[in-house]
C-alpha atoms as a PDB file:
ATOM      1  CA  MET A   1      25.576   5.893  -5.489  1.00  0.00           C
ATOM      2  CA  VAL A   2      24.089   2.740  -4.010  1.00  0.00           C
ATOM      3  CA  SER A   3      21.064   2.990  -1.761  1.00  0.00           C
ATOM      4  CA  PRO A   4      20.603   0.416   0.976  1.00  0.00           C
ATOM      5  CA  GLN A   5      17.356  -1.481   1.156  1.00  0.00           C
ATOM      6  CA  PRO A   6      15.307  -1.317   4.363  1.00  0.00           C
ATOM      7  CA  GLU A   7      17.124  -2.911   7.303  1.00  0.00           C
ATOM      8  CA  GLU A   8      14.446  -5.527   7.951  1.00  0.00           C
ATOM      9  CA  ILE A   9      14.756  -6.838   4.388  1.00  0.00           C
ATOM     10  CA  GLY A  10      18.561  -6.925   4.593  1.00  0.00           C
ATOM     11  CA  ALA A  11      18.366  -8.840   7.867  1.00  0.00           C
ATOM     12  CA  LYS A  12      16.030 -11.437   6.320  1.00  0.00           C
ATOM     13  CA  VAL A  13      18.329 -12.180   3.394  1.00  0.00           C
ATOM     14  CA  LYS A  14      21.665 -11.918   5.226  1.00  0.00           C
ATOM     15  CA  LYS A  15      22.117 -15.661   5.898  1.00  0.00           C
ATOM     16  CA  THR A  16      21.142 -16.562   2.341  1.00  0.00           C
ATOM     17  CA  SER A  17      23.594 -13.986   0.994  1.00  0.00           C
ATOM     18  CA  GLU A  18      26.347 -15.319   3.247  1.00  0.00           C
ATOM     19  CA  ARG A  19      25.755 -18.899   2.047  1.00  0.00           C
ATOM     20  CA  LEU A  20      25.730 -17.779  -1.587  1.00  0.00           C
ATOM     21  CA  ASN A  21      28.901 -15.739  -1.076  1.00  0.00           C
ATOM     22  CA  ALA A  22      30.632 -18.677   0.637  1.00  0.00           C
ATOM     23  CA  HIS A  23      29.826 -20.791  -2.425  1.00  0.00           C
ATOM     24  CA  LEU A  24      31.009 -18.062  -4.819  1.00  0.00           C
ATOM     25  CA  LEU A  25      34.268 -17.672  -2.902  1.00  0.00           C
ATOM     26  CA  GLN A  26      34.884 -21.411  -3.247  1.00  0.00           C
ATOM     27  CA  GLN A  27      34.211 -21.143  -6.983  1.00  0.00           C
ATOM     28  CA  ALA A  28      36.896 -18.448  -7.227  1.00  0.00           C
ATOM     29  CA  ARG A  29      39.488 -21.101  -6.327  1.00  0.00           C
ATOM     30  CA  GLY A  30      39.303 -22.410  -9.886  1.00  0.00           C
ATOM     31  CA  SER A  31      37.520 -19.799 -11.945  1.00  0.00           C
ATOM     32  CA  ASN A  32      37.498 -16.145 -12.839  1.00  0.00           C
ATOM     33  CA  ASP A  33      33.934 -16.341 -14.176  1.00  0.00           C
ATOM     34  CA  LEU A  34      32.072 -14.584 -11.366  1.00  0.00           C
ATOM     35  CA  GLN A  35      33.028 -11.037 -10.472  1.00  0.00           C
ATOM     36  CA  TYR A  36      30.279 -10.230  -7.958  1.00  0.00           C
ATOM     37  CA  LEU A  37      29.186 -11.149  -4.457  1.00  0.00           C
ATOM     38  CA  ALA A  38      25.648 -10.820  -3.135  1.00  0.00           C
ATOM     39  CA  SER A  39      24.839  -7.841  -0.951  1.00  0.00           C
ATOM     40  CA  PRO A  40      21.965  -8.128   1.520  1.00  0.00           C
ATOM     41  CA  VAL A  41      22.361  -4.398   2.145  1.00  0.00           C
ATOM     42  CA  THR A  42      21.669  -3.304  -1.432  1.00  0.00           C
ATOM     43  CA  GLY A  43      19.750  -6.328  -2.677  1.00  0.00           C
ATOM     44  CA  GLY A  44      22.167  -6.536  -5.608  1.00  0.00           C
ATOM     45  CA  GLY A  45      25.731  -7.437  -6.293  1.00  0.00           C
ATOM     46  CA  VAL A  46      29.067  -5.923  -5.332  1.00  0.00           C
ATOM     47  CA  GLN A  47      31.898  -6.218  -7.850  1.00  0.00           C
ATOM     48  CA  VAL A  48      34.787  -8.209  -6.392  1.00  0.00           C
ATOM     49  CA  ASN A  49      37.531  -9.566  -8.653  1.00  0.00           C
ATOM     50  CA  ARG A  50      39.012 -13.050  -8.325  1.00  0.00           C
ATOM     51  CA  PHE A  51      42.008 -12.016  -6.244  1.00  0.00           C
ATOM     52  CA  GLN A  52      39.776 -10.112  -3.846  1.00  0.00           C
ATOM     53  CA  GLN A  53      37.538 -13.169  -3.604  1.00  0.00           C
ATOM     54  CA  LEU A  54      40.564 -15.339  -2.852  1.00  0.00           C
ATOM     55  CA  PHE A  55      41.679 -12.874  -0.158  1.00  0.00           C
ATOM     56  CA  LEU A  56      38.194 -13.023   1.384  1.00  0.00           C
ATOM     57  CA  LEU A  57      38.290 -16.816   1.198  1.00  0.00           C
ATOM     58  CA  ALA A  58      41.662 -16.798   2.965  1.00  0.00           C
ATOM     59  CA  GLN A  59      40.129 -14.628   5.692  1.00  0.00           C
ATOM     60  CA  ARG A  60      37.294 -17.078   6.143  1.00  0.00           C
ATOM     61  CA  GLN A  61      39.892 -19.834   6.473  1.00  0.00           C
ATOM     62  CA  GLY A  62      41.486 -18.021   9.416  1.00  0.00           C
ATOM     63  CA  HIS A  63      44.232 -16.035   7.689  1.00  0.00           C
ATOM     64  CA  LYS A  64      44.209 -12.698   9.467  1.00  0.00           C
ATOM     65  CA  GLN A  65      46.604 -10.323   7.725  1.00  0.00           C
ATOM     66  CA  PRO A  66      47.232  -9.354   4.090  1.00  0.00           C
ATOM     67  CA  ALA A  67      50.552 -11.258   4.147  1.00  0.00           C
ATOM     68  CA  ASP A  68      48.628 -14.387   5.197  1.00  0.00           C
ATOM     69  CA  TRP A  69      46.052 -13.865   2.422  1.00  0.00           C
ATOM     70  CA  THR A  70      48.922 -13.478  -0.040  1.00  0.00           C
ATOM     71  CA  ALA A  71      50.541 -16.728   1.083  1.00  0.00           C
ATOM     72  CA  ALA A  72      47.280 -18.687   0.823  1.00  0.00           C
ATOM     73  CA  THR A  73      46.433 -17.210  -2.579  1.00  0.00           C
ATOM     74  CA  ARG A  74      49.968 -17.725  -3.874  1.00  0.00           C
ATOM     75  CA  GLN A  75      49.941 -21.371  -2.792  1.00  0.00           C
ATOM     76  CA  LEU A  76      46.629 -21.984  -4.572  1.00  0.00           C
ATOM     77  CA  ARG A  77      47.776 -20.287  -7.775  1.00  0.00           C
ATOM     78  CA  GLN A  78      51.103 -22.130  -7.775  1.00  0.00           C
ATOM     79  CA  SER A  79      49.306 -25.469  -7.381  1.00  0.00           C
ATOM     80  CA  GLN A  80      47.317 -24.547 -10.492  1.00  0.00           C
ATOM     81  CA  GLY A  81      50.431 -23.464 -12.425  1.00  0.00           C
ATOM     82  CA  GLN A  82      49.156 -19.898 -12.716  1.00  0.00           C
ATOM     83  CA  ARG A  83      51.181 -16.708 -12.821  1.00  0.00           C
ATOM     84  CA  LEU A  84      50.067 -13.136 -12.432  1.00  0.00           C
ATOM     85  CA  LEU A  85      49.918 -10.780 -15.361  1.00  0.00           C
ATOM     86  CA  LYS A  86      51.227  -7.250 -15.192  1.00  0.00           C
ATOM     87  CA  GLU A  87      50.556  -4.952 -18.122  1.00  0.00           C
ATOM     88  CA  GLY A  88      49.278  -7.987 -20.036  1.00  0.00           C
ATOM     89  CA  LYS A  89      52.472 -10.008 -19.643  1.00  0.00           C
ATOM     90  CA  PRO A  90      53.062 -12.891 -17.220  1.00  0.00           C
ATOM     91  CA  ASN A  91      55.409 -12.197 -14.334  1.00  0.00           C
ATOM     92  CA  GLU A  92      58.281 -14.572 -14.895  1.00  0.00           C
ATOM     93  CA  SER A  93      59.839 -14.766 -11.450  1.00  0.00           C
ATOM     94  CA  ALA A  94      58.363 -15.963  -8.179  1.00  0.00           C
ATOM     95  CA  GLU A  95      59.521 -12.679  -6.624  1.00  0.00           C
ATOM     96  CA  GLU A  96      57.567 -10.621  -9.174  1.00  0.00           C
ATOM     97  CA  ASN A  97      54.460 -12.722  -8.567  1.00  0.00           C
ATOM     98  CA  LEU A  98      54.812 -12.368  -4.807  1.00  0.00           C
ATOM     99  CA  ALA A  99      55.367  -8.598  -4.996  1.00  0.00           C
ATOM    100  CA  GLU A 100      52.319  -8.075  -7.229  1.00  0.00           C
ATOM    101  CA  LEU A 101      50.077 -10.301  -5.116  1.00  0.00           C
ATOM    102  CA  THR A 102      51.267  -8.612  -1.912  1.00  0.00           C
ATOM    103  CA  GLN A 103      50.506  -5.186  -3.338  1.00  0.00           C
ATOM    104  CA  GLN A 104      47.011  -6.306  -4.341  1.00  0.00           C
ATOM    105  CA  ALA A 105      46.347  -7.755  -0.867  1.00  0.00           C
ATOM    106  CA  GLU A 106      47.527  -4.588   0.867  1.00  0.00           C
ATOM    107  CA  THR A 107      45.455  -2.383  -1.440  1.00  0.00           C
ATOM    108  CA  PHE A 108      42.432  -4.580  -0.840  1.00  0.00           C
ATOM    109  CA  ALA A 109      42.936  -4.455   2.933  1.00  0.00           C
ATOM    110  CA  SER A 110      43.181  -0.674   2.958  1.00  0.00           C
ATOM    111  CA  SER A 111      40.237   0.182   0.730  1.00  0.00           C
ATOM    112  CA  SER A 112      38.139  -2.398  -1.106  1.00  0.00           C
ATOM    113  CA  CYS A 113      37.899  -4.781   1.830  1.00  0.00           C
ATOM    114  CA  ARG A 114      36.179  -2.100   3.892  1.00  0.00           C
ATOM    115  CA  PHE A 115      33.642  -1.599   1.099  1.00  0.00           C
ATOM    116  CA  CYS A 116      32.958  -5.343   0.834  1.00  0.00           C
ATOM    117  CA  GLY A 117      32.348  -5.599   4.542  1.00  0.00           C
ATOM    118  CA  ARG A 118      29.915  -2.730   4.525  1.00  0.00           C
ATOM    119  CA  TRP A 119      27.980  -3.469   1.327  1.00  0.00           C
ATOM    120  CA  GLY A 120      28.815  -7.011   0.359  1.00  0.00           C
ATOM    121  CA  GLY A 121      27.533  -8.967   3.292  1.00  0.00           C
ATOM    122  CA  VAL A 122      30.997 -10.464   3.572  1.00  0.00           C
ATOM    123  CA  ALA A 123      31.936 -11.149   7.155  1.00  0.00           C
ATOM    124  CA  LEU A 124      35.399  -9.794   7.838  1.00  0.00           C
ATOM    125  CA  ASN A 125      37.404 -11.097  10.729  1.00  0.00           C
ATOM    126  CA  ARG A 126      38.058  -8.734  13.630  1.00  0.00           C
ATOM    127  CA  THR A 127      41.829  -8.766  13.248  1.00  0.00           C
ATOM    128  CA  ALA A 128      41.628  -7.589   9.641  1.00  0.00           C
ATOM    129  CA  ARG A 129      39.196  -4.832  10.616  1.00  0.00           C
ATOM    130  CA  SER A 130      41.480  -3.768  13.478  1.00  0.00           C
ATOM    131  CA  ALA A 131      44.530  -3.736  11.216  1.00  0.00           C
ATOM    132  CA  ARG A 132      42.716  -1.574   8.656  1.00  0.00           C
ATOM    133  CA  ALA A 133      41.456   0.806  11.349  1.00  0.00           C
ATOM    134  CA  ALA A 134      44.974   1.212  12.739  1.00  0.00           C
ATOM    135  CA  SER A 135      46.349   2.031   9.284  1.00  0.00           C
ATOM    136  CA  SER A 136      43.622   4.617   8.531  1.00  0.00           C
END
């Protein structure tokens, strides 16, 4: 269980956390090295994998729905010649890659994304929050 730090402390570090997280999300474009985002609420880090970071980055770039996040993430990965792995093996077809990425985006939208917004200091756009609330 994670305990929040006092509200006044969280408020003081919120902008710094948001700037750091914006930088970390940009780093996720080319690297899988960092698996955490800063949380002004807890004063620590929140684990967020690379795909989740790329989905959050897509949100910040104006992509509002999981299908939009998938398209943006897929385009980036294709430009880098990367394929998704499933059960340790690369997905060979574009359709398999798209299906796996779509599933991850939808799962993130329905569960993990809510957690990031609450604890991670990651600003979520209103449309994504509304879509998640409607599906709950």
